[in-house]
């Protein structure tokens, strides 16, 4: 029997990689690409479950799903980190390195 490739397996894998890299772009790119990747995974997973013998690259699909989840988690953690830093140091300190050093010294009690 001639096996086919799942239509979105490579796309899910690429989106998973991009979501991990995209977490450094303030987390937004990572979340968006991770969610799109998980949506495409769900579609292909349903297709695979209907006829598993017909498709050959299910491992790429599973790997892409794991990468998408990791990318989403890293993006959420980065957004939380940014919120904490901005709330403790202030937005003006993010733009001025000298002011940031002064506020960090105040926080440390020096």
PDB file of N, CA and C in Angstrom:
ATOM      1  N   UNK A   1       0.842  -1.178   0.000  1.00  0.00           N
ATOM      2  CA  UNK A   1       0.000   0.000   0.000  1.00  0.00           C
ATOM      3  C   UNK A   1       0.886   1.240   0.000  1.00  0.00           C
ATOM      4  N   UNK A   2       0.537   2.218  -0.786  1.00  0.00           N
ATOM      5  CA  UNK A   2       1.303   3.452  -0.911  1.00  0.00           C
ATOM      6  C   UNK A   2       0.889   4.425   0.184  1.00  0.00           C
ATOM      7  N   UNK A   3       1.835   4.765   1.057  1.00  0.00           N
ATOM      8  CA  UNK A   3       1.520   5.686   2.156  1.00  0.00           C
ATOM      9  C   UNK A   3       1.712   7.126   1.701  1.00  0.00           C
ATOM     10  N   UNK A   4       0.841   7.989   2.222  1.00  0.00           N
ATOM     11  CA  UNK A   4       0.900   9.411   1.920  1.00  0.00           C
ATOM     12  C   UNK A   4       1.434  10.154   3.134  1.00  0.00           C
ATOM     13  N   UNK A   5       1.837  11.391   2.896  1.00  0.00           N
ATOM     14  CA  UNK A   5       2.234  12.252   4.013  1.00  0.00           C
ATOM     15  C   UNK A   5       1.012  13.031   4.471  1.00  0.00           C
ATOM     16  N   UNK A   6       0.975  13.289   5.764  1.00  0.00           N
ATOM     17  CA  UNK A   6      -0.115  14.120   6.290  1.00  0.00           C
ATOM     18  C   UNK A   6       0.023  15.529   5.713  1.00  0.00           C
ATOM     19  N   UNK A   7      -1.081  16.176   5.375  1.00  0.00           N
ATOM     20  CA  UNK A   7      -1.001  17.457   4.674  1.00  0.00           C
ATOM     21  C   UNK A   7      -0.318  18.571   5.463  1.00  0.00           C
ATOM     22  N   UNK A   8      -0.468  18.583   6.785  1.00  0.00           N
ATOM     23  CA  UNK A   8       0.063  19.693   7.566  1.00  0.00           C
ATOM     24  C   UNK A   8       1.167  19.297   8.550  1.00  0.00           C
ATOM     25  N   UNK A   9       1.725  18.106   8.423  1.00  0.00           N
ATOM     26  CA  UNK A   9       2.720  17.644   9.391  1.00  0.00           C
ATOM     27  C   UNK A   9       3.965  18.529   9.376  1.00  0.00           C
ATOM     28  N   UNK A  10       4.445  18.874   8.198  1.00  0.00           N
ATOM     29  CA  UNK A  10       5.625  19.734   8.105  1.00  0.00           C
ATOM     30  C   UNK A  10       5.309  21.144   8.590  1.00  0.00           C
ATOM     31  N   UNK A  11       4.128  21.629   8.276  1.00  0.00           N
ATOM     32  CA  UNK A  11       3.732  22.965   8.724  1.00  0.00           C
ATOM     33  C   UNK A  11       3.653  23.031  10.249  1.00  0.00           C
ATOM     34  N   UNK A  12       3.131  21.993  10.877  1.00  0.00           N
ATOM     35  CA  UNK A  12       3.049  21.957  12.337  1.00  0.00           C
ATOM     36  C   UNK A  12       4.450  21.956  12.937  1.00  0.00           C
ATOM     37  N   UNK A  13       5.360  21.202  12.342  1.00  0.00           N
ATOM     38  CA  UNK A  13       6.738  21.158  12.818  1.00  0.00           C
ATOM     39  C   UNK A  13       7.410  22.520  12.690  1.00  0.00           C
ATOM     40  N   UNK A  14       7.236  23.175  11.561  1.00  0.00           N
ATOM     41  CA  UNK A  14       7.830  24.501  11.349  1.00  0.00           C
ATOM     42  C   UNK A  14       7.208  25.524  12.295  1.00  0.00           C
ATOM     43  N   UNK A  15       5.898  25.482  12.465  1.00  0.00           N
ATOM     44  CA  UNK A  15       5.238  26.418  13.378  1.00  0.00           C
ATOM     45  C   UNK A  15       5.688  26.194  14.823  1.00  0.00           C
ATOM     46  N   UNK A  16       5.945  24.957  15.192  1.00  0.00           N
ATOM     47  CA  UNK A  16       6.465  24.679  16.529  1.00  0.00           C
ATOM     48  C   UNK A  16       7.838  25.288  16.742  1.00  0.00           C
ATOM     49  N   UNK A  17       8.702  25.167  15.742  1.00  0.00           N
ATOM     50  CA  UNK A  17      10.034  25.760  15.835  1.00  0.00           C
ATOM     51  C   UNK A  17       9.934  27.280  15.892  1.00  0.00           C
ATOM     52  N   UNK A  18       9.090  27.849  15.045  1.00  0.00           N
ATOM     53  CA  UNK A  18       8.921  29.310  15.027  1.00  0.00           C
ATOM     54  C   UNK A  18       8.319  29.807  16.347  1.00  0.00           C
ATOM     55  N   UNK A  19       7.451  29.025  16.958  1.00  0.00           N
ATOM     56  CA  UNK A  19       6.864  29.461  18.235  1.00  0.00           C
ATOM     57  C   UNK A  19       7.905  29.491  19.340  1.00  0.00           C
ATOM     58  N   UNK A  20       8.869  28.583  19.303  1.00  0.00           N
ATOM     59  CA  UNK A  20       9.941  28.626  20.299  1.00  0.00           C
ATOM     60  C   UNK A  20      10.843  29.823  20.061  1.00  0.00           C
ATOM     61  N   UNK A  21      11.194  30.071  18.815  1.00  0.00           N
ATOM     62  CA  UNK A  21      12.030  31.228  18.491  1.00  0.00           C
ATOM     63  C   UNK A  21      11.252  32.517  18.714  1.00  0.00           C
ATOM     64  N   UNK A  22       9.960  32.498  18.399  1.00  0.00           N
ATOM     65  CA  UNK A  22       9.128  33.692  18.508  1.00  0.00           C
ATOM     66  C   UNK A  22       8.801  34.115  19.926  1.00  0.00           C
ATOM     67  N   UNK A  23       9.111  33.288  20.903  1.00  0.00           N
ATOM     68  CA  UNK A  23       8.831  33.694  22.285  1.00  0.00           C
ATOM     69  C   UNK A  23       9.687  34.885  22.688  1.00  0.00           C
ATOM     70  N   UNK A  24      10.777  35.116  21.974  1.00  0.00           N
ATOM     71  CA  UNK A  24      11.642  36.262  22.279  1.00  0.00           C
ATOM     72  C   UNK A  24      11.086  37.573  21.727  1.00  0.00           C
ATOM     73  N   UNK A  25      10.086  37.509  20.884  1.00  0.00           N
ATOM     74  CA  UNK A  25       9.460  38.706  20.317  1.00  0.00           C
ATOM     75  C   UNK A  25       8.288  39.133  21.198  1.00  0.00           C
ATOM     76  N   UNK A  26       8.576  39.398  22.446  1.00  0.00           N
ATOM     77  CA  UNK A  26       7.591  39.786  23.455  1.00  0.00           C
ATOM     78  C   UNK A  26       6.509  38.734  23.658  1.00  0.00           C
ATOM     79  N   UNK A  27       6.738  37.520  23.196  1.00  0.00           N
ATOM     80  CA  UNK A  27       5.828  36.417  23.438  1.00  0.00           C
ATOM     81  C   UNK A  27       4.646  36.323  22.501  1.00  0.00           C
ATOM     82  N   UNK A  28       4.353  37.372  21.785  1.00  0.00           N
ATOM     83  CA  UNK A  28       3.151  37.401  20.953  1.00  0.00           C
ATOM     84  C   UNK A  28       3.285  36.453  19.760  1.00  0.00           C
ATOM     85  N   UNK A  29       4.410  36.517  19.074  1.00  0.00           N
ATOM     86  CA  UNK A  29       4.618  35.671  17.896  1.00  0.00           C
ATOM     87  C   UNK A  29       4.602  34.192  18.296  1.00  0.00           C
ATOM     88  N   UNK A  30       5.205  33.877  19.431  1.00  0.00           N
ATOM     89  CA  UNK A  30       5.235  32.503  19.896  1.00  0.00           C
ATOM     90  C   UNK A  30       3.863  31.948  20.212  1.00  0.00           C
ATOM     91  N   UNK A  31       3.036  32.759  20.822  1.00  0.00           N
ATOM     92  CA  UNK A  31       1.679  32.309  21.150  1.00  0.00           C
ATOM     93  C   UNK A  31       0.849  32.108  19.883  1.00  0.00           C
ATOM     94  N   UNK A  32       0.934  33.039  18.969  1.00  0.00           N
ATOM     95  CA  UNK A  32       0.130  32.948  17.743  1.00  0.00           C
ATOM     96  C   UNK A  32       0.533  31.728  16.922  1.00  0.00           C
ATOM     97  N   UNK A  33       1.826  31.562  16.680  1.00  0.00           N
ATOM     98  CA  UNK A  33       2.262  30.425  15.862  1.00  0.00           C
ATOM     99  C   UNK A  33       2.027  29.095  16.577  1.00  0.00           C
ATOM    100  N   UNK A  34       2.154  29.084  17.893  1.00  0.00           N
ATOM    101  CA  UNK A  34       1.882  27.863  18.653  1.00  0.00           C
ATOM    102  C   UNK A  34       0.425  27.444  18.579  1.00  0.00           C
ATOM    103  N   UNK A  35      -0.473  28.409  18.681  1.00  0.00           N
ATOM    104  CA  UNK A  35      -1.907  28.101  18.607  1.00  0.00           C
ATOM    105  C   UNK A  35      -2.292  27.635  17.209  1.00  0.00           C
ATOM    106  N   UNK A  36      -1.756  28.291  16.185  1.00  0.00           N
ATOM    107  CA  UNK A  36      -2.035  27.862  14.810  1.00  0.00           C
ATOM    108  C   UNK A  36      -1.500  26.440  14.585  1.00  0.00           C
ATOM    109  N   UNK A  37      -0.317  26.176  15.106  1.00  0.00           N
ATOM    110  CA  UNK A  37       0.259  24.840  14.973  1.00  0.00           C
ATOM    111  C   UNK A  37      -0.585  23.777  15.659  1.00  0.00           C
ATOM    112  N   UNK A  38      -1.098  24.087  16.842  1.00  0.00           N
ATOM    113  CA  UNK A  38      -1.950  23.124  17.545  1.00  0.00           C
ATOM    114  C   UNK A  38      -3.268  22.892  16.811  1.00  0.00           C
ATOM    115  N   UNK A  39      -3.794  23.938  16.190  1.00  0.00           N
ATOM    116  CA  UNK A  39      -5.029  23.790  15.404  1.00  0.00           C
ATOM    117  C   UNK A  39      -4.791  22.863  14.209  1.00  0.00           C
ATOM    118  N   UNK A  40      -3.664  23.084  13.503  1.00  0.00           N
ATOM    119  CA  UNK A  40      -3.350  22.219  12.365  1.00  0.00           C
ATOM    120  C   UNK A  40      -3.062  20.795  12.823  1.00  0.00           C
ATOM    121  N   UNK A  41      -2.451  20.651  13.996  1.00  0.00           N
ATOM    122  CA  UNK A  41      -2.221  19.309  14.548  1.00  0.00           C
ATOM    123  C   UNK A  41      -3.538  18.592  14.765  1.00  0.00           C
ATOM    124  N   UNK A  42      -4.500  19.293  15.321  1.00  0.00           N
ATOM    125  CA  UNK A  42      -5.794  18.666  15.604  1.00  0.00           C
ATOM    126  C   UNK A  42      -6.450  18.164  14.315  1.00  0.00           C
ATOM    127  N   UNK A  43      -6.385  18.978  13.259  1.00  0.00           N
ATOM    128  CA  UNK A  43      -6.977  18.560  11.988  1.00  0.00           C
ATOM    129  C   UNK A  43      -6.288  17.318  11.434  1.00  0.00           C
ATOM    130  N   UNK A  44      -4.957  17.320  11.429  1.00  0.00           N
ATOM    131  CA  UNK A  44      -4.231  16.177  10.893  1.00  0.00           C
ATOM    132  C   UNK A  44      -4.341  14.955  11.786  1.00  0.00           C
ATOM    133  N   UNK A  45      -4.436  15.141  13.080  1.00  0.00           N
ATOM    134  CA  UNK A  45      -4.567  14.021  13.998  1.00  0.00           C
ATOM    135  C   UNK A  45      -5.897  13.293  13.764  1.00  0.00           C
ATOM    136  N   UNK A  46      -6.957  14.038  13.533  1.00  0.00           N
ATOM    137  CA  UNK A  46      -8.253  13.423  13.221  1.00  0.00           C
ATOM    138  C   UNK A  46      -8.147  12.616  11.927  1.00  0.00           C
ATOM    139  N   UNK A  47      -7.463  13.199  10.941  1.00  0.00           N
ATOM    140  CA  UNK A  47      -7.274  12.519   9.667  1.00  0.00           C
ATOM    141  C   UNK A  47      -6.468  11.233   9.852  1.00  0.00           C
ATOM    142  N   UNK A  48      -5.428  11.299  10.674  1.00  0.00           N
ATOM    143  CA  UNK A  48      -4.598  10.118  10.919  1.00  0.00           C
ATOM    144  C   UNK A  48      -5.360   9.045  11.688  1.00  0.00           C
ATOM    145  N   UNK A  49      -6.140   9.432  12.665  1.00  0.00           N
ATOM    146  CA  UNK A  49      -6.872   8.464  13.483  1.00  0.00           C
ATOM    147  C   UNK A  49      -7.921   7.706  12.668  1.00  0.00           C
ATOM    148  N   UNK A  50      -8.429   8.316  11.611  1.00  0.00           N
ATOM    149  CA  UNK A  50      -9.408   7.644  10.769  1.00  0.00           C
ATOM    150  C   UNK A  50      -8.790   6.498   9.976  1.00  0.00           C
ATOM    151  N   UNK A  51      -7.524   6.689   9.546  1.00  0.00           N
ATOM    152  CA  UNK A  51      -6.856   5.652   8.755  1.00  0.00           C
ATOM    153  C   UNK A  51      -5.347   5.706   9.004  1.00  0.00           C
ATOM    154  N   UNK A  52      -4.858   5.122  10.098  1.00  0.00           N
ATOM    155  CA  UNK A  52      -3.443   5.228  10.455  1.00  0.00           C
ATOM    156  C   UNK A  52      -2.488   4.565   9.466  1.00  0.00           C
ATOM    157  N   UNK A  53      -2.925   3.534   8.770  1.00  0.00           N
ATOM    158  CA  UNK A  53      -2.037   2.837   7.841  1.00  0.00           C
ATOM    159  C   UNK A  53      -1.775   3.622   6.560  1.00  0.00           C
ATOM    160  N   UNK A  54      -2.549   4.639   6.328  1.00  0.00           N
ATOM    161  CA  UNK A  54      -2.433   5.382   5.078  1.00  0.00           C
ATOM    162  C   UNK A  54      -1.364   6.481   5.134  1.00  0.00           C
ATOM    163  N   UNK A  55      -0.954   6.902   6.325  1.00  0.00           N
ATOM    164  CA  UNK A  55      -0.046   8.042   6.470  1.00  0.00           C
ATOM    165  C   UNK A  55       1.264   7.622   7.109  1.00  0.00           C
ATOM    166  N   UNK A  56       2.349   8.307   6.709  1.00  0.00           N
ATOM    167  CA  UNK A  56       3.676   7.868   7.130  1.00  0.00           C
ATOM    168  C   UNK A  56       4.398   8.814   8.094  1.00  0.00           C
ATOM    169  N   UNK A  57       4.049  10.067   8.165  1.00  0.00           N
ATOM    170  CA  UNK A  57       4.861  11.005   8.944  1.00  0.00           C
ATOM    171  C   UNK A  57       4.149  11.516  10.208  1.00  0.00           C
ATOM    172  N   UNK A  58       3.585  10.599  10.941  1.00  0.00           N
ATOM    173  CA  UNK A  58       2.910  10.973  12.190  1.00  0.00           C
ATOM    174  C   UNK A  58       3.902  11.435  13.251  1.00  0.00           C
ATOM    175  N   UNK A  59       5.142  10.943  13.201  1.00  0.00           N
ATOM    176  CA  UNK A  59       6.153  11.372  14.176  1.00  0.00           C
ATOM    177  C   UNK A  59       6.461  12.860  14.039  1.00  0.00           C
ATOM    178  N   UNK A  60       6.511  13.367  12.812  1.00  0.00           N
ATOM    179  CA  UNK A  60       6.709  14.808  12.617  1.00  0.00           C
ATOM    180  C   UNK A  60       5.556  15.599  13.230  1.00  0.00           C
ATOM    181  N   UNK A  61       4.373  15.072  13.093  1.00  0.00           N
ATOM    182  CA  UNK A  61       3.194  15.740  13.642  1.00  0.00           C
ATOM    183  C   UNK A  61       3.253  15.795  15.167  1.00  0.00           C
ATOM    184  N   UNK A  62       3.623  14.682  15.789  1.00  0.00           N
ATOM    185  CA  UNK A  62       3.723  14.649  17.257  1.00  0.00           C
ATOM    186  C   UNK A  62       4.844  15.563  17.754  1.00  0.00           C
ATOM    187  N   UNK A  63       5.973  15.576  17.052  1.00  0.00           N
ATOM    188  CA  UNK A  63       7.079  16.451  17.433  1.00  0.00           C
ATOM    189  C   UNK A  63       6.669  17.911  17.315  1.00  0.00           C
ATOM    190  N   UNK A  64       5.966  18.252  16.247  1.00  0.00           N
ATOM    191  CA  UNK A  64       5.482  19.619  16.069  1.00  0.00           C
ATOM    192  C   UNK A  64       4.537  20.038  17.178  1.00  0.00           C
ATOM    193  N   UNK A  65       3.685  19.117  17.614  1.00  0.00           N
ATOM    194  CA  UNK A  65       2.759  19.421  18.715  1.00  0.00           C
ATOM    195  C   UNK A  65       3.535  19.743  19.990  1.00  0.00           C
ATOM    196  N   UNK A  66       4.539  18.941  20.294  1.00  0.00           N
ATOM    197  CA  UNK A  66       5.343  19.171  21.499  1.00  0.00           C
ATOM    198  C   UNK A  66       6.062  20.509  21.410  1.00  0.00           C
ATOM    199  N   UNK A  67       6.618  20.823  20.245  1.00  0.00           N
ATOM    200  CA  UNK A  67       7.307  22.098  20.075  1.00  0.00           C
ATOM    201  C   UNK A  67       6.338  23.277  20.202  1.00  0.00           C
ATOM    202  N   UNK A  68       5.129  23.134  19.692  1.00  0.00           N
ATOM    203  CA  UNK A  68       4.123  24.200  19.823  1.00  0.00           C
ATOM    204  C   UNK A  68       3.774  24.437  21.288  1.00  0.00           C
ATOM    205  N   UNK A  69       3.610  23.363  22.040  1.00  0.00           N
ATOM    206  CA  UNK A  69       3.284  23.503  23.461  1.00  0.00           C
ATOM    207  C   UNK A  69       4.432  24.174  24.208  1.00  0.00           C
ATOM    208  N   UNK A  70       5.663  23.756  23.915  1.00  0.00           N
ATOM    209  CA  UNK A  70       6.828  24.375  24.558  1.00  0.00           C
ATOM    210  C   UNK A  70       6.900  25.856  24.194  1.00  0.00           C
ATOM    211  N   UNK A  71       6.666  26.188  22.936  1.00  0.00           N
ATOM    212  CA  UNK A  71       6.702  27.583  22.502  1.00  0.00           C
ATOM    213  C   UNK A  71       5.641  28.428  23.180  1.00  0.00           C
ATOM    214  N   UNK A  72       4.441  27.887  23.347  1.00  0.00           N
ATOM    215  CA  UNK A  72       3.367  28.627  24.018  1.00  0.00           C
ATOM    216  C   UNK A  72       3.721  28.858  25.485  1.00  0.00           C
ATOM    217  N   UNK A  73       4.242  27.832  26.149  1.00  0.00           N
ATOM    218  CA  UNK A  73       4.606  27.967  27.562  1.00  0.00           C
ATOM    219  C   UNK A  73       5.725  28.992  27.736  1.00  0.00           C
ATOM    220  N   UNK A  74       6.759  28.921  26.893  1.00  0.00           N
ATOM    221  CA  UNK A  74       7.847  29.897  26.982  1.00  0.00           C
ATOM    222  C   UNK A  74       7.351  31.316  26.717  1.00  0.00           C
ATOM    223  N   UNK A  75       6.444  31.465  25.764  1.00  0.00           N
ATOM    224  CA  UNK A  75       5.900  32.792  25.452  1.00  0.00           C
ATOM    225  C   UNK A  75       5.097  33.346  26.621  1.00  0.00           C
ATOM    226  N   UNK A  76       4.298  32.503  27.253  1.00  0.00           N
ATOM    227  CA  UNK A  76       3.520  32.952  28.406  1.00  0.00           C
ATOM    228  C   UNK A  76       4.444  33.339  29.555  1.00  0.00           C
ATOM    229  N   UNK A  77       5.483  32.534  29.789  1.00  0.00           N
ATOM    230  CA  UNK A  77       6.443  32.863  30.844  1.00  0.00           C
ATOM    231  C   UNK A  77       7.158  34.184  30.560  1.00  0.00           C
ATOM    232  N   UNK A  78       7.496  34.417  29.292  1.00  0.00           N
ATOM    233  CA  UNK A  78       8.156  35.666  28.933  1.00  0.00           C
ATOM    234  C   UNK A  78       7.227  36.864  29.126  1.00  0.00           C
ATOM    235  N   UNK A  79       5.961  36.709  28.779  1.00  0.00           N
ATOM    236  CA  UNK A  79       5.001  37.801  28.989  1.00  0.00           C
ATOM    237  C   UNK A  79       4.833  38.086  30.466  1.00  0.00           C
ATOM    238  N   UNK A  80       4.756  37.044  31.283  1.00  0.00           N
ATOM    239  CA  UNK A  80       4.649  37.235  32.737  1.00  0.00           C
ATOM    240  C   UNK A  80       5.894  37.948  33.268  1.00  0.00           C
ATOM    241  N   UNK A  81       7.062  37.537  32.782  1.00  0.00           N
ATOM    242  CA  UNK A  81       8.311  38.194  33.185  1.00  0.00           C
ATOM    243  C   UNK A  81       8.286  39.682  32.831  1.00  0.00           C
ATOM    244  N   UNK A  82       7.851  40.002  31.625  1.00  0.00           N
ATOM    245  CA  UNK A  82       7.784  41.405  31.221  1.00  0.00           C
ATOM    246  C   UNK A  82       6.814  42.198  32.097  1.00  0.00           C
ATOM    247  N   UNK A  83       5.685  41.603  32.430  1.00  0.00           N
ATOM    248  CA  UNK A  83       4.711  42.292  33.282  1.00  0.00           C
ATOM    249  C   UNK A  83       5.307  42.556  34.659  1.00  0.00           C
ATOM    250  N   UNK A  84       6.013  41.579  35.208  1.00  0.00           N
ATOM    251  CA  UNK A  84       6.628  41.754  36.533  1.00  0.00           C
ATOM    252  C   UNK A  84       7.704  42.830  36.485  1.00  0.00           C
ATOM    253  N   UNK A  85       8.549  42.805  35.474  1.00  0.00           N
ATOM    254  CA  UNK A  85       9.626  43.793  35.375  1.00  0.00           C
ATOM    255  C   UNK A  85       9.057  45.190  35.189  1.00  0.00           C
ATOM    256  N   UNK A  86       8.077  45.325  34.334  1.00  0.00           N
ATOM    257  CA  UNK A  86       7.491  46.651  34.094  1.00  0.00           C
ATOM    258  C   UNK A  86       6.752  47.149  35.328  1.00  0.00           C
ATOM    259  N   UNK A  87       6.086  46.259  36.051  1.00  0.00           N
ATOM    260  CA  UNK A  87       5.353  46.702  37.243  1.00  0.00           C
ATOM    261  C   UNK A  87       6.291  47.053  38.399  1.00  0.00           C
ATOM    262  N   UNK A  88       7.444  46.409  38.483  1.00  0.00           N
ATOM    263  CA  UNK A  88       8.363  46.734  39.583  1.00  0.00           C
ATOM    264  C   UNK A  88       9.305  47.878  39.243  1.00  0.00           C
ATOM    265  N   UNK A  89       9.791  47.941  38.016  1.00  0.00           N
ATOM    266  CA  UNK A  89      10.759  48.969  37.655  1.00  0.00           C
ATOM    267  C   UNK A  89      10.129  50.155  36.935  1.00  0.00           C
ATOM    268  N   UNK A  90       9.040  49.934  36.265  1.00  0.00           N
ATOM    269  CA  UNK A  90       8.384  50.999  35.513  1.00  0.00           C
ATOM    270  C   UNK A  90       8.819  51.002  34.062  1.00  0.00           C
ATOM    271  N   UNK A  91       7.965  51.519  33.225  1.00  0.00           N
ATOM    272  CA  UNK A  91       8.241  51.550  31.789  1.00  0.00           C
ATOM    273  C   UNK A  91       9.374  52.506  31.451  1.00  0.00           C
ATOM    274  N   UNK A  92       9.483  53.614  32.189  1.00  0.00           N
ATOM    275  CA  UNK A  92      10.555  54.574  31.901  1.00  0.00           C
ATOM    276  C   UNK A  92      11.928  53.981  32.190  1.00  0.00           C
ATOM    277  N   UNK A  93      12.024  53.081  33.149  1.00  0.00           N
ATOM    278  CA  UNK A  93      13.307  52.444  33.451  1.00  0.00           C
ATOM    279  C   UNK A  93      13.694  51.454  32.355  1.00  0.00           C
ATOM    280  N   UNK A  94      12.725  50.930  31.642  1.00  0.00           N
ATOM    281  CA  UNK A  94      13.033  50.007  30.552  1.00  0.00           C
ATOM    282  C   UNK A  94      13.740  50.731  29.405  1.00  0.00           C
ATOM    283  N   UNK A  95      13.516  52.029  29.279  1.00  0.00           N
ATOM    284  CA  UNK A  95      14.119  52.801  28.197  1.00  0.00           C
ATOM    285  C   UNK A  95      15.441  53.442  28.597  1.00  0.00           C
ATOM    286  N   UNK A  96      15.687  53.588  29.888  1.00  0.00           N
ATOM    287  CA  UNK A  96      16.899  54.265  30.376  1.00  0.00           C
ATOM    288  C   UNK A  96      17.708  53.306  31.254  1.00  0.00           C
ATOM    289  N   UNK A  97      18.859  52.818  30.768  1.00  0.00           N
ATOM    290  CA  UNK A  97      19.635  51.839  31.539  1.00  0.00           C
ATOM    291  C   UNK A  97      20.144  52.384  32.885  1.00  0.00           C
ATOM    292  N   UNK A  98      20.483  53.662  32.933  1.00  0.00           N
ATOM    293  CA  UNK A  98      20.976  54.238  34.183  1.00  0.00           C
ATOM    294  C   UNK A  98      19.865  54.293  35.235  1.00  0.00           C
ATOM    295  N   UNK A  99      18.682  54.687  34.832  1.00  0.00           N
ATOM    296  CA  UNK A  99      17.543  54.701  35.741  1.00  0.00           C
ATOM    297  C   UNK A  99      17.209  53.281  36.210  1.00  0.00           C
ATOM    298  N   UNK A 100      17.353  52.316  35.317  1.00  0.00           N
ATOM    299  CA  UNK A 100      17.089  50.928  35.697  1.00  0.00           C
ATOM    300  C   UNK A 100      18.079  50.461  36.765  1.00  0.00           C
ATOM    301  N   UNK A 101      19.342  50.819  36.618  1.00  0.00           N
ATOM    302  CA  UNK A 101      20.343  50.442  37.622  1.00  0.00           C
ATOM    303  C   UNK A 101      20.033  51.085  38.965  1.00  0.00           C
ATOM    304  N   UNK A 102      19.594  52.333  38.955  1.00  0.00           N
ATOM    305  CA  UNK A 102      19.248  53.013  40.201  1.00  0.00           C
ATOM    306  C   UNK A 102      18.055  52.332  40.883  1.00  0.00           C
ATOM    307  N   UNK A 103      17.047  51.997  40.114  1.00  0.00           N
ATOM    308  CA  UNK A 103      15.860  51.346  40.696  1.00  0.00           C
ATOM    309  C   UNK A 103      16.176  49.934  41.189  1.00  0.00           C
ATOM    310  N   UNK A 104      17.065  49.243  40.493  1.00  0.00           N
ATOM    311  CA  UNK A 104      17.475  47.924  40.963  1.00  0.00           C
ATOM    312  C   UNK A 104      18.240  48.027  42.284  1.00  0.00           C
ATOM    313  N   UNK A 105      19.076  49.054  42.407  1.00  0.00           N
ATOM    314  CA  UNK A 105      19.792  49.263  43.670  1.00  0.00           C
ATOM    315  C   UNK A 105      18.823  49.578  44.803  1.00  0.00           C
ATOM    316  N   UNK A 106      17.781  50.367  44.510  1.00  0.00           N
ATOM    317  CA  UNK A 106      16.760  50.664  45.515  1.00  0.00           C
ATOM    318  C   UNK A 106      16.035  49.394  45.946  1.00  0.00           C
ATOM    319  N   UNK A 107      15.719  48.538  44.991  1.00  0.00           N
ATOM    320  CA  UNK A 107      15.042  47.290  45.320  1.00  0.00           C
ATOM    321  C   UNK A 107      15.914  46.373  46.162  1.00  0.00           C
ATOM    322  N   UNK A 108      17.206  46.382  45.899  1.00  0.00           N
ATOM    323  CA  UNK A 108      18.121  45.531  46.649  1.00  0.00           C
ATOM    324  C   UNK A 108      18.484  46.112  47.998  1.00  0.00           C
ATOM    325  N   UNK A 109      18.117  47.368  48.228  1.00  0.00           N
ATOM    326  CA  UNK A 109      18.369  48.001  49.506  1.00  0.00           C
ATOM    327  C   UNK A 109      19.781  48.553  49.654  1.00  0.00           C
ATOM    328  N   UNK A 110      20.402  48.893  48.571  1.00  0.00           N
ATOM    329  CA  UNK A 110      21.759  49.446  48.615  1.00  0.00           C
ATOM    330  C   UNK A 110      21.758  50.932  48.478  1.00  0.00           C
TER     331      UNK A 110
END
